Protein backbone atom coordinates (compact mmCIF):
# COMPACT_ATOMS: atom_id res chain seq x y z
CA MET A 1 -166.86 -43.63 72.57
CA ASN A 2 -168.40 -44.55 75.91
CA GLU A 3 -167.09 -41.50 77.79
CA SER A 4 -169.35 -39.02 79.54
CA ILE A 5 -169.71 -35.55 78.02
CA ASP A 6 -168.79 -32.35 79.90
CA CYS A 7 -170.42 -29.54 77.93
CA CYS A 8 -172.71 -26.56 78.22
CA PRO A 9 -175.64 -27.02 77.95
CA PRO A 10 -175.35 -30.39 79.68
CA PHE A 11 -175.89 -33.47 77.52
CA PRO A 12 -177.62 -36.35 79.34
CA GLY A 13 -175.86 -39.19 77.49
CA LYS A 14 -172.48 -40.57 76.57
CA GLU A 15 -170.22 -39.49 73.71
CA ARG A 16 -171.70 -42.14 71.40
CA HIS A 17 -175.21 -40.80 72.03
CA LEU A 18 -174.11 -37.25 71.21
CA LEU A 19 -172.43 -38.37 67.98
CA ARG A 20 -175.49 -40.41 66.97
CA SER A 21 -177.81 -37.46 67.60
CA GLN A 22 -175.59 -35.13 65.57
CA LEU A 23 -175.54 -37.59 62.66
CA ALA A 24 -179.32 -37.86 62.82
CA ARG A 25 -179.72 -34.06 62.68
CA ILE A 26 -177.32 -33.74 59.73
CA THR A 27 -178.98 -36.60 57.82
CA HIS A 28 -182.43 -35.20 58.50
CA ALA A 29 -181.51 -31.69 57.32
CA ALA A 30 -179.66 -32.89 54.20
CA GLN A 31 -182.54 -34.77 52.54
CA ILE A 32 -184.01 -32.69 49.75
CA CYS A 33 -186.43 -33.46 46.94
CA PRO A 34 -188.32 -31.59 44.20
CA LYS A 35 -191.15 -29.47 45.64
CA GLY A 36 -194.47 -31.26 45.55
CA MET A 37 -192.94 -34.73 45.31
CA TYR A 38 -194.25 -35.72 48.74
CA GLU A 39 -197.50 -34.85 50.49
CA LEU A 40 -198.83 -35.37 53.99
CA ASP A 41 -201.50 -38.06 54.28
CA GLU A 42 -204.42 -36.56 56.24
CA GLU A 43 -205.43 -39.87 57.85
CA THR A 44 -202.07 -41.36 58.87
CA GLN A 45 -200.11 -38.08 59.20
CA GLU A 46 -197.24 -39.69 57.25
CA TYR A 47 -195.51 -38.44 54.11
CA LYS A 48 -196.25 -40.29 50.89
CA MET A 49 -195.35 -39.88 47.23
CA ALA A 50 -197.62 -37.33 45.57
CA GLU A 51 -199.83 -38.23 42.63
CA GLY A 52 -197.58 -36.41 40.16
CA GLY A 53 -194.43 -38.06 41.49
CA VAL A 54 -191.06 -37.02 40.09
CA PRO A 55 -191.17 -34.28 37.44
CA SER A 56 -190.28 -35.77 34.06
CA ASP A 57 -188.86 -32.54 32.63
CA LEU A 58 -185.33 -31.81 33.85
CA GLU A 59 -185.75 -28.10 33.13
CA LEU A 60 -188.42 -27.89 35.85
CA ILE A 61 -186.05 -28.99 38.62
CA LYS A 62 -182.91 -27.09 37.60
CA PRO A 63 -183.67 -23.88 39.57
CA LEU A 64 -182.93 -23.95 43.31
CA GLU A 65 -186.44 -22.66 44.03
CA SER A 66 -187.91 -25.96 42.83
CA TRP A 67 -186.25 -27.93 45.66
CA ALA A 68 -187.38 -28.35 49.27
CA HIS A 69 -186.45 -30.26 52.41
CA LYS A 70 -188.07 -33.68 52.47
CA PHE A 71 -188.87 -33.53 56.21
CA PRO A 72 -189.96 -30.65 58.46
CA ILE A 73 -187.22 -28.74 60.27
CA ILE A 74 -186.13 -30.20 63.62
CA LEU A 75 -186.92 -27.71 66.39
CA THR A 76 -184.11 -26.55 68.66
CA ALA A 77 -186.04 -24.48 71.23
CA GLY A 78 -189.20 -25.28 73.12
CA SER A 79 -189.46 -28.88 71.88
CA PRO A 80 -185.88 -29.88 70.97
CA GLY A 81 -185.55 -32.94 68.76
CA ARG A 82 -189.15 -32.77 67.54
CA CYS A 83 -190.67 -31.53 64.25
CA THR A 84 -193.83 -30.24 65.94
CA HIS A 85 -194.27 -28.39 69.19
CA PHE A 86 -195.22 -30.67 72.08
CA MET A 87 -198.45 -29.83 73.86
CA PRO A 88 -198.75 -31.64 77.22
CA ALA A 89 -202.10 -33.33 77.84
CA THR A 90 -202.69 -31.08 80.86
CA LEU A 91 -202.65 -27.97 78.65
CA LYS A 92 -204.89 -29.33 75.90
CA THR A 93 -208.49 -28.16 76.04
């Protein structure tokens, strides 16, 4: 578990770091909830339970269209490992 990784593209850590990052990506992508259950707080930029909360009627959440990912998608290009694109301070106006 503490071996170095020889792969393409190069991975900058050990085998345990690669496994931990893969588990984090899978866990992140597998969390779903009914649409509208969470909302983004404008002040803190964190997700919180919406006013309506969990729908009480089971028939409303049976269709697949009524489900969504709990967290934003993790980016793979440009800003890997992030949910938003990184803008360096030197490029901000």
